[in-house]
Each structure stands twice: as structure tokens, then as C-alpha cells.
Amino acid sequence: MRMDLKHSVWVLTVAVGISISGGTVNAVAAPFFQDHDQDYSKNKTYQQGVREGQDDHAHNQDHSKKRHFKKDEDQKAYEAGYQKGHGGDSAGRPESDNKK
């Protein structure tokens, strides 16, 4: 009987530990699974990316300037702007630019 009690306490402890750590992982991971469609339109690095993307598109270049920013958010904003400027979104461009 004593062995069954030790075993039951051990199983209960492990189960509680797993459930607590699983909840912590979800709480920590939650910010990474948020909506990635942020509005960067007023961000300076986004605007810089749009300008450089449009310039590269006009000169048939592929990401000629490799920019690296200290802040991860600035890097994401720049890349989003670059993709929009280089051709990720054809809205607002003349019809002749949309044909390849």
C-alpha cells in the first residue's frame, strides 16, 4: 500500500508540473502568434523601405541595399515597406508597370 501511495503522489506531481509548464509556454508564446498585419505606414523605416523598394524595382534590382536595424520591429517595418515598394502590392502603379 505504501508503494502505491508514493507512486500516486509522484504521478500527481508530474501531472501538475506538466500542466503548469504547458500554461506558461502558451502565455509566453502568445505574443508571437499575434496578427502580423500591422500598420507601419507612419514608421520611418517602413517609408524608407518603400522608397528603396520602388527604386530597386525601377532599376530592375533585387534588394540592392541590405539594411540591418538594431530593433527587430524596425527591421520588420523596413522589410514590409520594401516588399510593398518593390512589387508586393501593385495598387497605385500605372498599368504599364504591372506587366512583366
C-alpha atoms as a PDB file:
ATOM      1  CA  MET A   1       0.000   0.000   0.000  1.00  0.00           C
ATOM      2  CA  ARG A   2       2.834   2.401   0.845  1.00  0.00           C
ATOM      3  CA  MET A   3       4.355   1.920  -2.630  1.00  0.00           C
ATOM      4  CA  ASP A   4       1.037   2.720  -4.335  1.00  0.00           C
ATOM      5  CA  LEU A   5       0.731   5.946  -2.344  1.00  0.00           C
ATOM      6  CA  LYS A   6       4.262   7.067  -3.306  1.00  0.00           C
ATOM      7  CA  HIS A   7       3.563   6.203  -6.936  1.00  0.00           C
ATOM      8  CA  SER A   8       0.263   8.119  -6.909  1.00  0.00           C
ATOM      9  CA  VAL A   9       1.857  11.201  -5.356  1.00  0.00           C
ATOM     10  CA  TRP A  10       4.667  11.065  -7.928  1.00  0.00           C
ATOM     11  CA  VAL A  11       2.227  10.779 -10.848  1.00  0.00           C
ATOM     12  CA  LEU A  12       0.122  13.626  -9.465  1.00  0.00           C
ATOM     13  CA  THR A  13       3.216  15.842  -9.032  1.00  0.00           C
ATOM     14  CA  VAL A  14       4.368  15.198 -12.586  1.00  0.00           C
ATOM     15  CA  ALA A  15       0.877  15.856 -13.984  1.00  0.00           C
ATOM     16  CA  VAL A  16       0.578  19.164 -12.103  1.00  0.00           C
ATOM     17  CA  GLY A  17       4.067  20.190 -13.219  1.00  0.00           C
ATOM     18  CA  ILE A  18       3.320  19.465 -16.851  1.00  0.00           C
ATOM     19  CA  SER A  19       0.030  21.349 -16.759  1.00  0.00           C
ATOM     20  CA  ILE A  20       1.663  24.392 -15.136  1.00  0.00           C
ATOM     21  CA  SER A  21       4.599  24.467 -17.570  1.00  0.00           C
ATOM     22  CA  GLY A  22       2.260  23.968 -20.540  1.00  0.00           C
ATOM     23  CA  GLY A  23       0.259  27.002 -19.475  1.00  0.00           C
ATOM     24  CA  THR A  24       3.439  29.035 -19.156  1.00  0.00           C
ATOM     25  CA  VAL A  25       4.550  28.072 -22.655  1.00  0.00           C
ATOM     26  CA  ASN A  26       1.211  29.221 -24.082  1.00  0.00           C
ATOM     27  CA  ALA A  27       1.411  32.520 -22.211  1.00  0.00           C
ATOM     28  CA  VAL A  28       4.959  33.158 -23.414  1.00  0.00           C
ATOM     29  CA  ALA A  29       4.244  32.094 -26.995  1.00  0.00           C
ATOM     30  CA  ALA A  30       1.051  34.154 -27.327  1.00  0.00           C
ATOM     31  CA  PRO A  31       2.767  37.408 -28.411  1.00  0.00           C
ATOM     32  CA  PHE A  32       4.463  35.585 -31.302  1.00  0.00           C
ATOM     33  CA  PHE A  33       1.158  34.447 -32.779  1.00  0.00           C
ATOM     34  CA  GLN A  34      -0.487  37.839 -32.948  1.00  0.00           C
ATOM     35  CA  ASP A  35      -1.800  39.397 -36.137  1.00  0.00           C
ATOM     36  CA  HIS A  36       1.208  40.278 -38.323  1.00  0.00           C
ATOM     37  CA  ASP A  37      -0.668  42.784 -40.486  1.00  0.00           C
ATOM     38  CA  GLN A  38       0.465  45.851 -38.596  1.00  0.00           C
ATOM     39  CA  ASP A  39       0.067  49.382 -39.864  1.00  0.00           C
ATOM     40  CA  TYR A  40       3.619  50.588 -40.435  1.00  0.00           C
ATOM     41  CA  SER A  41       2.579  53.429 -42.748  1.00  0.00           C
ATOM     42  CA  LYS A  42       3.795  56.149 -40.361  1.00  0.00           C
ATOM     43  CA  ASN A  43       7.004  54.328 -39.438  1.00  0.00           C
ATOM     44  CA  LYS A  44      10.132  56.000 -40.863  1.00  0.00           C
ATOM     45  CA  THR A  45      11.911  52.725 -41.561  1.00  0.00           C
ATOM     46  CA  TYR A  46       8.809  51.419 -43.369  1.00  0.00           C
ATOM     47  CA  GLN A  47       8.765  54.537 -45.547  1.00  0.00           C
ATOM     48  CA  GLN A  48      12.490  54.132 -46.215  1.00  0.00           C
ATOM     49  CA  GLY A  49      11.849  50.524 -47.272  1.00  0.00           C
ATOM     50  CA  VAL A  50       9.054  51.592 -49.622  1.00  0.00           C
ATOM     51  CA  ARG A  51      11.300  54.201 -51.281  1.00  0.00           C
ATOM     52  CA  GLU A  52      14.209  51.792 -51.677  1.00  0.00           C
ATOM     53  CA  GLY A  53      11.917  49.030 -52.923  1.00  0.00           C
ATOM     54  CA  GLN A  54      10.426  51.323 -55.553  1.00  0.00           C
ATOM     55  CA  ASP A  55      13.900  52.470 -56.592  1.00  0.00           C
ATOM     56  CA  ASP A  56      15.127  48.878 -56.923  1.00  0.00           C
ATOM     57  CA  HIS A  57      12.001  47.966 -58.878  1.00  0.00           C
ATOM     58  CA  ALA A  58      12.553  50.913 -61.242  1.00  0.00           C
ATOM     59  CA  HIS A  59      16.163  49.830 -61.853  1.00  0.00           C
ATOM     60  CA  ASN A  60      15.390  46.090 -62.090  1.00  0.00           C
ATOM     61  CA  GLN A  61      17.440  45.340 -58.978  1.00  0.00           C
ATOM     62  CA  ASP A  62      16.727  42.808 -56.276  1.00  0.00           C
ATOM     63  CA  HIS A  63      17.191  44.200 -52.765  1.00  0.00           C
ATOM     64  CA  SER A  64      20.368  46.096 -53.630  1.00  0.00           C
ATOM     65  CA  LYS A  65      20.626  47.667 -50.171  1.00  0.00           C
ATOM     66  CA  LYS A  66      20.836  45.187 -47.340  1.00  0.00           C
ATOM     67  CA  ARG A  67      19.774  47.182 -44.313  1.00  0.00           C
ATOM     68  CA  HIS A  68      20.108  45.918 -40.765  1.00  0.00           C
ATOM     69  CA  PHE A  69      18.442  47.709 -37.888  1.00  0.00           C
ATOM     70  CA  LYS A  70      19.113  47.325 -34.184  1.00  0.00           C
ATOM     71  CA  LYS A  71      15.447  46.933 -33.305  1.00  0.00           C
ATOM     72  CA  ASP A  72      13.621  43.892 -34.617  1.00  0.00           C
ATOM     73  CA  GLU A  73      10.449  45.954 -35.083  1.00  0.00           C
ATOM     74  CA  ASP A  74      12.331  48.425 -37.324  1.00  0.00           C
ATOM     75  CA  GLN A  75      13.720  45.542 -39.398  1.00  0.00           C
ATOM     76  CA  LYS A  76      10.218  44.116 -39.865  1.00  0.00           C
ATOM     77  CA  ALA A  77       8.836  47.525 -40.804  1.00  0.00           C
ATOM     78  CA  TYR A  78      11.619  48.101 -43.339  1.00  0.00           C
ATOM     79  CA  GLU A  79      11.151  44.675 -44.946  1.00  0.00           C
ATOM     80  CA  ALA A  80       7.370  45.139 -45.143  1.00  0.00           C
ATOM     81  CA  GLY A  81       7.882  48.537 -46.798  1.00  0.00           C
ATOM     82  CA  TYR A  82      10.493  47.187 -49.175  1.00  0.00           C
ATOM     83  CA  GLN A  83       8.219  44.357 -50.286  1.00  0.00           C
ATOM     84  CA  LYS A  84       5.355  46.785 -50.853  1.00  0.00           C
ATOM     85  CA  GLY A  85       7.594  49.192 -52.781  1.00  0.00           C
ATOM     86  CA  HIS A  86       9.318  46.512 -54.855  1.00  0.00           C
ATOM     87  CA  GLY A  87       6.134  44.987 -56.151  1.00  0.00           C
ATOM     88  CA  GLY A  88       4.374  43.140 -53.375  1.00  0.00           C
ATOM     89  CA  ASP A  89       1.364  45.406 -53.897  1.00  0.00           C
ATOM     90  CA  SER A  90       0.597  46.703 -57.386  1.00  0.00           C
ATOM     91  CA  ALA A  91      -2.079  49.173 -56.252  1.00  0.00           C
ATOM     92  CA  GLY A  92      -1.401  52.746 -57.235  1.00  0.00           C
ATOM     93  CA  ARG A  93       1.057  51.999 -60.037  1.00  0.00           C
ATOM     94  CA  PRO A  94       0.402  52.676 -63.705  1.00  0.00           C
ATOM     95  CA  GLU A  95      -0.860  49.762 -65.793  1.00  0.00           C
ATOM     96  CA  SER A  96       2.401  49.541 -67.785  1.00  0.00           C
ATOM     97  CA  ASP A  97       4.386  48.897 -64.580  1.00  0.00           C
ATOM     98  CA  ASN A  98       2.174  45.948 -63.641  1.00  0.00           C
ATOM     99  CA  LYS A  99       3.039  43.955 -66.779  1.00  0.00           C
ATOM    100  CA  LYS A 100       6.207  41.862 -66.728  1.00  0.00           C
END
